[in-house]
Amino acid sequence: MSESIAAEERDREDLARPKVSYWLWFGFFGGPMAGMLMIWINYPLVDRACVSGNRAWLHLTSALFLAIAIAAWFDARRWYERAGDFPMTEGGVMPRTRFMALVGMFTASLAIMEIIFQWIPIFFLGACIGT
């Protein structure tokens, strides 16, 4: 019994360390940041792709940001499983970690859908439609 309490305390201390919690913040913000950066980078690349006729950079950046969003989702999922089954109504490190991981999985899922939905027109319409 005392070993499980000691293991739980070690987990709490481990989750509260700053270097460890940076990965929790990546799981929380990684998906939305990947979606936002994709918009900020791909929009200027459309002009370059239209002039050169080469859409490779658009596909490359879309694939890169999709991979970042998926990595953020898996990181948030890992933190969610690691935090265990704590009630969301309590305070402390473990419920906060669980909540941040849950929100991170949700926002990363939305970002993954956003990136895919923005990538689809690049395949079918090309870069010069509407310019």
Protein backbone atom coordinates (compact mmCIF):
# COMPACT_ATOMS: atom_id res chain seq x y z
CA MET A 1 0.00 0.00 0.00
CA SER A 2 2.72 2.47 0.94
CA GLU A 3 4.63 1.67 -2.27
CA SER A 4 1.68 2.73 -4.42
CA ILE A 5 1.37 5.98 -2.46
CA ALA A 6 5.09 6.62 -2.89
CA ALA A 7 4.85 5.85 -6.63
CA GLU A 8 1.93 8.26 -6.95
CA GLU A 9 3.91 10.99 -5.19
CA ARG A 10 6.88 10.39 -7.50
CA ASP A 11 4.56 10.71 -10.51
CA ARG A 12 3.20 13.98 -9.17
CA GLU A 13 6.68 15.35 -8.62
CA ASP A 14 7.78 14.15 -12.05
CA LEU A 15 4.82 15.81 -13.78
CA ALA A 16 5.44 19.09 -11.95
CA ARG A 17 9.06 19.48 -13.12
CA PRO A 18 9.48 22.30 -15.66
CA LYS A 19 11.46 20.31 -18.23
CA VAL A 20 8.82 17.59 -18.25
CA SER A 21 5.92 20.01 -18.44
CA TYR A 22 7.27 21.63 -21.63
CA TRP A 23 6.07 18.53 -23.47
CA LEU A 24 2.66 18.96 -21.88
CA TRP A 25 2.57 22.49 -23.26
CA PHE A 26 3.52 21.13 -26.69
CA GLY A 27 0.57 18.74 -26.50
CA PHE A 28 -1.65 21.65 -25.47
CA PHE A 29 -0.55 24.22 -28.08
CA GLY A 30 1.17 22.15 -30.78
CA GLY A 31 -1.89 21.33 -32.88
CA PRO A 32 -3.39 24.83 -33.08
CA MET A 33 0.04 26.37 -33.68
CA ALA A 34 0.68 23.94 -36.54
CA GLY A 35 -2.66 24.87 -38.13
CA MET A 36 -2.00 28.58 -37.74
CA LEU A 37 1.56 28.38 -39.05
CA MET A 38 0.37 26.39 -42.05
CA ILE A 39 -1.93 29.26 -43.00
CA TRP A 40 0.75 31.87 -42.42
CA ILE A 41 3.34 30.02 -44.49
CA ASN A 42 1.22 28.50 -47.26
CA TYR A 43 -0.56 31.70 -48.25
CA PRO A 44 2.65 33.47 -49.40
CA LEU A 45 3.83 30.22 -51.01
CA VAL A 46 0.76 30.17 -53.27
CA ASP A 47 2.09 33.12 -55.30
CA ARG A 48 5.44 31.43 -55.74
CA ALA A 49 3.78 28.13 -56.70
CA CYS A 50 1.55 29.91 -59.21
CA VAL A 51 4.45 31.70 -60.89
CA SER A 52 6.70 28.64 -61.05
CA GLY A 53 3.96 26.06 -61.62
CA ASN A 54 5.46 23.84 -58.93
CA ARG A 55 3.21 22.92 -55.98
CA ALA A 56 5.85 20.80 -54.22
CA TRP A 57 6.51 23.41 -51.50
CA LEU A 58 2.80 23.62 -50.71
CA HIS A 59 2.62 19.84 -50.32
CA LEU A 60 5.82 19.73 -48.28
CA THR A 61 4.74 22.39 -45.79
CA SER A 62 1.26 20.86 -45.49
CA ALA A 63 2.74 17.45 -44.75
CA LEU A 64 5.16 18.95 -42.22
CA PHE A 65 2.44 20.77 -40.28
CA LEU A 66 0.17 17.75 -40.42
CA ALA A 67 2.96 15.68 -38.88
CA ILE A 68 3.44 18.30 -36.13
CA ALA A 69 -0.29 18.31 -35.33
CA ILE A 70 -0.38 14.51 -35.21
CA ALA A 71 2.68 14.48 -32.95
CA ALA A 72 0.95 16.98 -30.64
CA TRP A 73 -2.13 14.74 -30.50
CA PHE A 74 -0.06 11.69 -29.58
CA ASP A 75 1.87 13.68 -26.99
CA ALA A 76 -1.36 14.92 -25.41
CA ARG A 77 -2.73 11.36 -25.45
CA ARG A 78 0.39 10.10 -23.68
CA TRP A 79 -0.01 12.76 -20.98
CA TYR A 80 -3.71 11.94 -20.61
CA GLU A 81 -2.93 8.27 -20.01
CA ARG A 82 0.00 9.11 -17.75
CA ALA A 83 -2.06 11.43 -15.52
CA GLY A 84 -4.42 8.62 -14.64
CA ASP A 85 -8.02 8.75 -13.54
CA PHE A 86 -8.31 11.85 -11.39
CA PRO A 87 -11.52 13.83 -10.98
CA MET A 88 -11.53 17.01 -13.03
CA THR A 89 -13.09 18.96 -10.14
CA GLU A 90 -10.10 18.66 -7.81
CA GLY A 91 -7.11 20.96 -7.80
CA GLY A 92 -3.47 20.02 -8.10
CA VAL A 93 -0.92 18.78 -10.59
CA MET A 94 -2.61 15.59 -11.77
CA PRO A 95 -6.08 17.00 -12.57
CA ARG A 96 -4.45 20.01 -14.25
CA THR A 97 -2.30 17.69 -16.37
CA ARG A 98 -5.30 15.57 -17.28
CA PHE A 99 -7.35 18.63 -18.25
CA MET A 100 -4.57 20.14 -20.36
CA ALA A 101 -4.01 16.83 -22.12
CA LEU A 102 -7.72 16.44 -22.83
CA VAL A 103 -7.95 19.95 -24.28
CA GLY A 104 -4.75 19.31 -26.23
CA MET A 105 -6.20 16.17 -27.81
CA PHE A 106 -9.36 18.05 -28.77
CA THR A 107 -7.59 21.07 -30.28
CA ALA A 108 -5.02 18.89 -32.06
CA SER A 109 -7.89 16.87 -33.58
CA LEU A 110 -9.45 20.08 -34.87
CA ALA A 111 -6.09 21.23 -36.22
CA ILE A 112 -5.56 17.91 -38.01
CA MET A 113 -8.96 18.27 -39.69
CA GLU A 114 -8.19 21.89 -40.58
CA ILE A 115 -4.86 21.01 -42.17
CA ILE A 116 -6.37 18.15 -44.16
CA PHE A 117 -9.27 20.32 -45.36
CA GLN A 118 -6.84 23.04 -46.46
CA TRP A 119 -4.61 20.52 -48.18
CA ILE A 120 -7.40 18.97 -50.30
CA PRO A 121 -7.79 21.96 -52.67
CA ILE A 122 -4.06 21.97 -53.37
CA PHE A 123 -4.46 18.47 -54.83
CA PHE A 124 -7.51 19.18 -56.96
CA LEU A 125 -7.56 22.88 -57.83
CA GLY A 126 -3.93 23.87 -58.09
CA ALA A 127 -2.25 27.07 -56.97
CA CYS A 128 -3.49 29.57 -59.56
CA ILE A 129 -7.26 29.27 -59.20
CA GLY A 130 -8.72 32.68 -58.42
CA THR A 131 -5.54 34.71 -58.96
